[in-house]
PDB file of N, CA and C in Angstrom:
ATOM      1  N   UNK A   1       0.841  -1.170   0.000  1.00  0.00           N
ATOM      2  CA  UNK A   1       0.000   0.000   0.000  1.00  0.00           C
ATOM      3  C   UNK A   1       0.894   1.244   0.000  1.00  0.00           C
ATOM      4  N   UNK A   2       0.618   2.215  -0.876  1.00  0.00           N
ATOM      5  CA  UNK A   2       1.434   3.431  -0.921  1.00  0.00           C
ATOM      6  C   UNK A   2       1.390   4.200   0.401  1.00  0.00           C
ATOM      7  N   UNK A   3       2.480   4.855   0.687  1.00  0.00           N
ATOM      8  CA  UNK A   3       2.618   5.650   1.904  1.00  0.00           C
ATOM      9  C   UNK A   3       2.784   7.108   1.521  1.00  0.00           C
ATOM     10  N   UNK A   4       2.286   7.989   2.365  1.00  0.00           N
ATOM     11  CA  UNK A   4       2.421   9.424   2.149  1.00  0.00           C
ATOM     12  C   UNK A   4       3.695   9.912   2.819  1.00  0.00           C
ATOM     13  N   UNK A   5       4.427  10.790   2.132  1.00  0.00           N
ATOM     14  CA  UNK A   5       5.666  11.344   2.643  1.00  0.00           C
ATOM     15  C   UNK A   5       5.609  12.848   2.469  1.00  0.00           C
ATOM     16  N   UNK A   6       5.924  13.586   3.506  1.00  0.00           N
ATOM     17  CA  UNK A   6       5.984  15.039   3.435  1.00  0.00           C
ATOM     18  C   UNK A   6       7.436  15.461   3.519  1.00  0.00           C
ATOM     19  N   UNK A   7       7.864  16.289   2.593  1.00  0.00           N
ATOM     20  CA  UNK A   7       9.240  16.790   2.598  1.00  0.00           C
ATOM     21  C   UNK A   7       9.236  18.239   3.072  1.00  0.00           C
ATOM     22  N   UNK A   8      10.149  18.552   3.967  1.00  0.00           N
ATOM     23  CA  UNK A   8      10.258  19.915   4.492  1.00  0.00           C
ATOM     24  C   UNK A   8      11.644  20.465   4.202  1.00  0.00           C
ATOM     25  N   UNK A   9      11.718  21.769   4.134  1.00  0.00           N
ATOM     26  CA  UNK A   9      12.999  22.476   3.974  1.00  0.00           C
ATOM     27  C   UNK A   9      13.757  22.058   2.717  1.00  0.00           C
ATOM     28  N   UNK A  10      13.030  21.881   1.630  1.00  0.00           N
ATOM     29  CA  UNK A  10      13.671  21.554   0.352  1.00  0.00           C
ATOM     30  C   UNK A  10      14.413  22.806  -0.125  1.00  0.00           C
ATOM     31  N   UNK A  11      15.686  22.690  -0.444  1.00  0.00           N
ATOM     32  CA  UNK A  11      16.426  23.860  -0.938  1.00  0.00           C
ATOM     33  C   UNK A  11      15.760  24.407  -2.214  1.00  0.00           C
ATOM     34  N   UNK A  12      15.774  25.717  -2.341  1.00  0.00           N
ATOM     35  CA  UNK A  12      15.131  26.370  -3.486  1.00  0.00           C
ATOM     36  C   UNK A  12      15.627  25.816  -4.819  1.00  0.00           C
ATOM     37  N   UNK A  13      16.931  25.606  -4.931  1.00  0.00           N
ATOM     38  CA  UNK A  13      17.498  25.122  -6.197  1.00  0.00           C
ATOM     39  C   UNK A  13      16.967  23.727  -6.532  1.00  0.00           C
ATOM     40  N   UNK A  14      16.831  22.867  -5.524  1.00  0.00           N
ATOM     41  CA  UNK A  14      16.315  21.511  -5.748  1.00  0.00           C
ATOM     42  C   UNK A  14      14.854  21.587  -6.161  1.00  0.00           C
ATOM     43  N   UNK A  15      14.098  22.428  -5.477  1.00  0.00           N
ATOM     44  CA  UNK A  15      12.680  22.586  -5.809  1.00  0.00           C
ATOM     45  C   UNK A  15      12.507  23.072  -7.251  1.00  0.00           C
ATOM     46  N   UNK A  16      13.299  24.062  -7.637  1.00  0.00           N
ATOM     47  CA  UNK A  16      13.181  24.617  -8.989  1.00  0.00           C
ATOM     48  C   UNK A  16      13.541  23.576 -10.044  1.00  0.00           C
ATOM     49  N   UNK A  17      14.571  22.778  -9.789  1.00  0.00           N
ATOM     50  CA  UNK A  17      14.948  21.734 -10.752  1.00  0.00           C
ATOM     51  C   UNK A  17      13.885  20.667 -10.845  1.00  0.00           C
ATOM     52  N   UNK A  18      13.292  20.306  -9.703  1.00  0.00           N
ATOM     53  CA  UNK A  18      12.221  19.316  -9.694  1.00  0.00           C
ATOM     54  C   UNK A  18      11.007  19.856 -10.451  1.00  0.00           C
ATOM     55  N   UNK A  19      10.688  21.116 -10.206  1.00  0.00           N
ATOM     56  CA  UNK A  19       9.548  21.754 -10.873  1.00  0.00           C
ATOM     57  C   UNK A  19       9.777  21.801 -12.389  1.00  0.00           C
ATOM     58  N   UNK A  20      10.984  22.178 -12.808  1.00  0.00           N
ATOM     59  CA  UNK A  20      11.302  22.240 -14.245  1.00  0.00           C
ATOM     60  C   UNK A  20      11.219  20.857 -14.883  1.00  0.00           C
ATOM     61  N   UNK A  21      11.762  19.858 -14.185  1.00  0.00           N
ATOM     62  CA  UNK A  21      11.719  18.493 -14.712  1.00  0.00           C
ATOM     63  C   UNK A  21      10.280  18.006 -14.824  1.00  0.00           C
ATOM     64  N   UNK A  22       9.461  18.314 -13.833  1.00  0.00           N
ATOM     65  CA  UNK A  22       8.058  17.895 -13.856  1.00  0.00           C
ATOM     66  C   UNK A  22       7.335  18.523 -15.045  1.00  0.00           C
ATOM     67  N   UNK A  23       7.584  19.803 -15.286  1.00  0.00           N
ATOM     68  CA  UNK A  23       6.967  20.475 -16.430  1.00  0.00           C
ATOM     69  C   UNK A  23       7.442  19.867 -17.743  1.00  0.00           C
ATOM     70  N   UNK A  24       8.730  19.601 -17.840  1.00  0.00           N
ATOM     71  CA  UNK A  24       9.303  19.048 -19.063  1.00  0.00           C
ATOM     72  C   UNK A  24       8.724  17.660 -19.361  1.00  0.00           C
ATOM     73  N   UNK A  25       8.515  16.867 -18.315  1.00  0.00           N
ATOM     74  CA  UNK A  25       7.986  15.512 -18.484  1.00  0.00           C
ATOM     75  C   UNK A  25       6.463  15.448 -18.386  1.00  0.00           C
ATOM     76  N   UNK A  26       5.853  16.623 -18.210  1.00  0.00           N
ATOM     77  CA  UNK A  26       4.386  16.716 -18.087  1.00  0.00           C
ATOM     78  C   UNK A  26       3.867  15.844 -16.945  1.00  0.00           C
ATOM     79  N   UNK A  27       4.511  16.008 -15.789  1.00  0.00           N
ATOM     80  CA  UNK A  27       4.122  15.289 -14.588  1.00  0.00           C
ATOM     81  C   UNK A  27       3.850  16.282 -13.471  1.00  0.00           C
ATOM     82  N   UNK A  28       3.158  15.816 -12.458  1.00  0.00           N
ATOM     83  CA  UNK A  28       2.994  16.621 -11.251  1.00  0.00           C
ATOM     84  C   UNK A  28       4.313  16.594 -10.489  1.00  0.00           C
ATOM     85  N   UNK A  29       4.470  17.517  -9.550  1.00  0.00           N
ATOM     86  CA  UNK A  29       5.669  17.505  -8.710  1.00  0.00           C
ATOM     87  C   UNK A  29       5.780  16.184  -7.958  1.00  0.00           C
ATOM     88  N   UNK A  30       4.667  15.700  -7.456  1.00  0.00           N
ATOM     89  CA  UNK A  30       4.659  14.441  -6.723  1.00  0.00           C
ATOM     90  C   UNK A  30       5.137  13.284  -7.600  1.00  0.00           C
ATOM     91  N   UNK A  31       4.587  13.192  -8.805  1.00  0.00           N
ATOM     92  CA  UNK A  31       4.976  12.111  -9.712  1.00  0.00           C
ATOM     93  C   UNK A  31       6.444  12.209 -10.096  1.00  0.00           C
ATOM     94  N   UNK A  32       6.916  13.413 -10.348  1.00  0.00           N
ATOM     95  CA  UNK A  32       8.320  13.600 -10.719  1.00  0.00           C
ATOM     96  C   UNK A  32       9.234  13.210  -9.566  1.00  0.00           C
ATOM     97  N   UNK A  33       8.864  13.573  -8.342  1.00  0.00           N
ATOM     98  CA  UNK A  33       9.661  13.211  -7.168  1.00  0.00           C
ATOM     99  C   UNK A  33       9.736  11.691  -7.031  1.00  0.00           C
ATOM    100  N   UNK A  34       8.620  11.006  -7.247  1.00  0.00           N
ATOM    101  CA  UNK A  34       8.601   9.547  -7.158  1.00  0.00           C
ATOM    102  C   UNK A  34       9.502   8.936  -8.219  1.00  0.00           C
ATOM    103  N   UNK A  35       9.413   9.440  -9.457  1.00  0.00           N
ATOM    104  CA  UNK A  35      10.256   8.924 -10.544  1.00  0.00           C
ATOM    105  C   UNK A  35      11.733   9.131 -10.206  1.00  0.00           C
ATOM    106  N   UNK A  36      12.077  10.304  -9.681  1.00  0.00           N
ATOM    107  CA  UNK A  36      13.474  10.583  -9.311  1.00  0.00           C
ATOM    108  C   UNK A  36      13.953   9.645  -8.205  1.00  0.00           C
ATOM    109  N   UNK A  37      13.129   9.441  -7.194  1.00  0.00           N
ATOM    110  CA  UNK A  37      13.495   8.536  -6.105  1.00  0.00           C
ATOM    111  C   UNK A  37      13.656   7.106  -6.608  1.00  0.00           C
ATOM    112  N   UNK A  38      12.743   6.667  -7.457  1.00  0.00           N
ATOM    113  CA  UNK A  38      12.837   5.311  -8.009  1.00  0.00           C
ATOM    114  C   UNK A  38      14.108   5.139  -8.833  1.00  0.00           C
ATOM    115  N   UNK A  39      14.452   6.155  -9.616  1.00  0.00           N
ATOM    116  CA  UNK A  39      15.644   6.070 -10.464  1.00  0.00           C
ATOM    117  C   UNK A  39      16.913   5.917  -9.631  1.00  0.00           C
ATOM    118  N   UNK A  40      16.943   6.563  -8.479  1.00  0.00           N
ATOM    119  CA  UNK A  40      18.128   6.507  -7.628  1.00  0.00           C
ATOM    120  C   UNK A  40      18.125   5.267  -6.735  1.00  0.00           C
ATOM    121  N   UNK A  41      16.973   4.955  -6.191  1.00  0.00           N
ATOM    122  CA  UNK A  41      16.906   3.873  -5.203  1.00  0.00           C
ATOM    123  C   UNK A  41      16.626   2.496  -5.787  1.00  0.00           C
ATOM    124  N   UNK A  42      15.999   2.460  -6.960  1.00  0.00           N
ATOM    125  CA  UNK A  42      15.651   1.183  -7.590  1.00  0.00           C
ATOM    126  C   UNK A  42      16.135   1.150  -9.036  1.00  0.00           C
ATOM    127  N   UNK A  43      17.429   1.384  -9.265  1.00  0.00           N
ATOM    128  CA  UNK A  43      17.896   1.415 -10.648  1.00  0.00           C
ATOM    129  C   UNK A  43      17.743   0.048 -11.313  1.00  0.00           C
ATOM    130  N   UNK A  44      17.372   0.087 -12.575  1.00  0.00           N
ATOM    131  CA  UNK A  44      17.254  -1.170 -13.317  1.00  0.00           C
ATOM    132  C   UNK A  44      18.620  -1.533 -13.862  1.00  0.00           C
ATOM    133  N   UNK A  45      18.941  -2.768 -13.775  1.00  0.00           N
ATOM    134  CA  UNK A  45      20.223  -3.248 -14.276  1.00  0.00           C
ATOM    135  C   UNK A  45      19.993  -3.820 -15.667  1.00  0.00           C
ATOM    136  N   UNK A  46      20.675  -3.254 -16.646  1.00  0.00           N
ATOM    137  CA  UNK A  46      20.584  -3.749 -18.010  1.00  0.00           C
ATOM    138  C   UNK A  46      21.832  -4.551 -18.343  1.00  0.00           C
ATOM    139  N   UNK A  47      21.613  -5.642 -19.012  1.00  0.00           N
ATOM    140  CA  UNK A  47      22.747  -6.426 -19.504  1.00  0.00           C
ATOM    141  C   UNK A  47      23.426  -5.603 -20.601  1.00  0.00           C
ATOM    142  N   UNK A  48      24.737  -5.748 -20.763  1.00  0.00           N
ATOM    143  CA  UNK A  48      25.435  -4.997 -21.817  1.00  0.00           C
ATOM    144  C   UNK A  48      24.798  -5.195 -23.190  1.00  0.00           C
ATOM    145  N   UNK A  49      24.321  -6.392 -23.487  1.00  0.00           N
ATOM    146  CA  UNK A  49      23.703  -6.647 -24.790  1.00  0.00           C
ATOM    147  C   UNK A  49      22.401  -5.850 -24.940  1.00  0.00           C
ATOM    148  N   UNK A  50      21.651  -5.684 -23.837  1.00  0.00           N
ATOM    149  CA  UNK A  50      20.417  -4.896 -23.894  1.00  0.00           C
ATOM    150  C   UNK A  50      20.727  -3.412 -24.093  1.00  0.00           C
ATOM    151  N   UNK A  51      21.754  -2.940 -23.399  1.00  0.00           N
ATOM    152  CA  UNK A  51      22.155  -1.532 -23.535  1.00  0.00           C
ATOM    153  C   UNK A  51      22.632  -1.252 -24.964  1.00  0.00           C
ATOM    154  N   UNK A  52      23.415  -2.164 -25.533  1.00  0.00           N
ATOM    155  CA  UNK A  52      23.905  -2.018 -26.898  1.00  0.00           C
ATOM    156  C   UNK A  52      22.752  -2.048 -27.896  1.00  0.00           C
ATOM    157  N   UNK A  53      21.795  -2.939 -27.689  1.00  0.00           N
ATOM    158  CA  UNK A  53      20.631  -3.027 -28.577  1.00  0.00           C
ATOM    159  C   UNK A  53      19.841  -1.724 -28.533  1.00  0.00           C
ATOM    160  N   UNK A  54      19.692  -1.154 -27.337  1.00  0.00           N
ATOM    161  CA  UNK A  54      18.954   0.117 -27.203  1.00  0.00           C
ATOM    162  C   UNK A  54      19.709   1.250 -27.895  1.00  0.00           C
ATOM    163  N   UNK A  55      21.026   1.285 -27.764  1.00  0.00           N
ATOM    164  CA  UNK A  55      21.824   2.317 -28.427  1.00  0.00           C
ATOM    165  C   UNK A  55      21.698   2.210 -29.943  1.00  0.00           C
ATOM    166  N   UNK A  56      21.722   0.983 -30.452  1.00  0.00           N
ATOM    167  CA  UNK A  56      21.577   0.788 -31.901  1.00  0.00           C
ATOM    168  C   UNK A  56      20.185   1.197 -32.374  1.00  0.00           C
ATOM    169  N   UNK A  57      19.195   0.906 -31.562  1.00  0.00           N
ATOM    170  CA  UNK A  57      17.813   1.288 -31.874  1.00  0.00           C
ATOM    171  C   UNK A  57      17.685   2.810 -31.964  1.00  0.00           C
ATOM    172  N   UNK A  58      18.270   3.503 -30.984  1.00  0.00           N
ATOM    173  CA  UNK A  58      18.224   4.972 -30.984  1.00  0.00           C
ATOM    174  C   UNK A  58      18.979   5.542 -32.176  1.00  0.00           C
ATOM    175  N   UNK A  59      20.145   4.974 -32.480  1.00  0.00           N
ATOM    176  CA  UNK A  59      20.936   5.448 -33.607  1.00  0.00           C
ATOM    177  C   UNK A  59      20.184   5.253 -34.917  1.00  0.00           C
ATOM    178  N   UNK A  60      19.494   4.127 -35.067  1.00  0.00           N
ATOM    179  CA  UNK A  60      18.752   3.843 -36.291  1.00  0.00           C
ATOM    180  C   UNK A  60      17.591   4.820 -36.479  1.00  0.00           C
ATOM    181  N   UNK A  61      17.077   5.345 -35.385  1.00  0.00           N
ATOM    182  CA  UNK A  61      15.951   6.277 -35.460  1.00  0.00           C
ATOM    183  C   UNK A  61      16.386   7.689 -35.869  1.00  0.00           C
ATOM    184  N   UNK A  62      17.688   7.977 -35.792  1.00  0.00           N
ATOM    185  CA  UNK A  62      18.190   9.298 -36.168  1.00  0.00           C
ATOM    186  C   UNK A  62      18.264   9.430 -37.685  1.00  0.00           C
ATOM    187  N   UNK A  63      18.101  10.658 -38.172  1.00  0.00           N
ATOM    188  CA  UNK A  63      18.266  10.843 -39.622  1.00  0.00           C
ATOM    189  C   UNK A  63      19.720  10.558 -40.010  1.00  0.00           C
ATOM    190  N   UNK A  64      19.897   9.990 -41.172  1.00  0.00           N
ATOM    191  CA  UNK A  64      21.247   9.661 -41.644  1.00  0.00           C
ATOM    192  C   UNK A  64      22.016  10.945 -41.907  1.00  0.00           C
ATOM    193  N   UNK A  65      23.167  11.045 -41.300  1.00  0.00           N
ATOM    194  CA  UNK A  65      23.996  12.221 -41.506  1.00  0.00           C
ATOM    195  C   UNK A  65      25.438  11.807 -41.281  1.00  0.00           C
ATOM    196  N   UNK A  66      26.299  12.212 -42.173  1.00  0.00           N
ATOM    197  CA  UNK A  66      27.709  11.863 -42.066  1.00  0.00           C
ATOM    198  C   UNK A  66      28.477  13.100 -41.634  1.00  0.00           C
ATOM    199  N   UNK A  67      29.334  12.930 -40.643  1.00  0.00           N
ATOM    200  CA  UNK A  67      30.183  14.011 -40.174  1.00  0.00           C
ATOM    201  C   UNK A  67      31.622  13.659 -40.508  1.00  0.00           C
ATOM    202  N   UNK A  68      32.324  14.652 -40.985  1.00  0.00           N
ATOM    203  CA  UNK A  68      33.731  14.484 -41.281  1.00  0.00           C
ATOM    204  C   UNK A  68      34.536  15.292 -40.273  1.00  0.00           C
ATOM    205  N   UNK A  69      35.799  14.970 -40.119  1.00  0.00           N
ATOM    206  CA  UNK A  69      36.661  15.674 -39.163  1.00  0.00           C
ATOM    207  C   UNK A  69      36.612  17.180 -39.411  1.00  0.00           C
ATOM    208  N   UNK A  70      36.585  17.582 -40.680  1.00  0.00           N
ATOM    209  CA  UNK A  70      36.544  19.010 -41.019  1.00  0.00           C
ATOM    210  C   UNK A  70      35.261  19.660 -40.486  1.00  0.00           C
ATOM    211  N   UNK A  71      34.131  18.955 -40.571  1.00  0.00           N
ATOM    212  CA  UNK A  71      32.867  19.481 -40.056  1.00  0.00           C
ATOM    213  C   UNK A  71      32.949  19.708 -38.547  1.00  0.00           C
ATOM    214  N   UNK A  72      33.545  18.759 -37.853  1.00  0.00           N
ATOM    215  CA  UNK A  72      33.670  18.863 -36.399  1.00  0.00           C
ATOM    216  C   UNK A  72      34.586  20.019 -36.025  1.00  0.00           C
ATOM    217  N   UNK A  73      35.702  20.150 -36.723  1.00  0.00           N
ATOM    218  CA  UNK A  73      36.633  21.249 -36.455  1.00  0.00           C
ATOM    219  C   UNK A  73      35.966  22.604 -36.727  1.00  0.00           C
ATOM    220  N   UNK A  74      35.192  22.702 -37.797  1.00  0.00           N
ATOM    221  CA  UNK A  74      34.476  23.951 -38.094  1.00  0.00           C
ATOM    222  C   UNK A  74      33.471  24.292 -37.009  1.00  0.00           C
ATOM    223  N   UNK A  75      32.773  23.292 -36.529  1.00  0.00           N
ATOM    224  CA  UNK A  75      31.791  23.513 -35.475  1.00  0.00           C
ATOM    225  C   UNK A  75      32.475  23.989 -34.198  1.00  0.00           C
ATOM    226  N   UNK A  76      33.619  23.407 -33.877  1.00  0.00           N
ATOM    227  CA  UNK A  76      34.381  23.833 -32.701  1.00  0.00           C
ATOM    228  C   UNK A  76      34.844  25.282 -32.864  1.00  0.00           C
ATOM    229  N   UNK A  77      35.347  25.580 -34.030  1.00  0.00           N
ATOM    230  CA  UNK A  77      35.850  26.924 -34.294  1.00  0.00           C
ATOM    231  C   UNK A  77      34.733  27.957 -34.200  1.00  0.00           C
ATOM    232  N   UNK A  78      33.532  27.563 -34.656  1.00  0.00           N
ATOM    233  CA  UNK A  78      32.390  28.467 -34.617  1.00  0.00           C
ATOM    234  C   UNK A  78      31.765  28.572 -33.230  1.00  0.00           C
ATOM    235  N   UNK A  79      32.285  27.806 -32.267  1.00  0.00           N
ATOM    236  CA  UNK A  79      31.802  27.884 -30.898  1.00  0.00           C
ATOM    237  C   UNK A  79      30.596  27.000 -30.603  1.00  0.00           C
ATOM    238  N   UNK A  80      30.311  26.057 -31.487  1.00  0.00           N
ATOM    239  CA  UNK A  80      29.190  25.151 -31.247  1.00  0.00           C
ATOM    240  C   UNK A  80      29.699  23.978 -30.421  1.00  0.00           C
ATOM    241  N   UNK A  81      28.897  23.541 -29.420  1.00  0.00           N
ATOM    242  CA  UNK A  81      29.325  22.403 -28.600  1.00  0.00           C
ATOM    243  C   UNK A  81      29.321  21.107 -29.365  1.00  0.00           C
TER     244      UNK A  81
END
């Protein structure tokens, strides 16, 4: 059965980051806090093969684009991260 937890004296910076994350993920503050706690306290362990499969899946979903060393150097010179 779920339990209620009240947090007091949350530092302003932590509150603002939690609030921003909740807005970005379209969650309530409560839901975002639960997700953050679960991520830290109950991390899921992925096998290396699962992590690699997920990385390949994400890469395949990106538009095809080739970068050359010259492109990267130009971007650095132009101040792009």
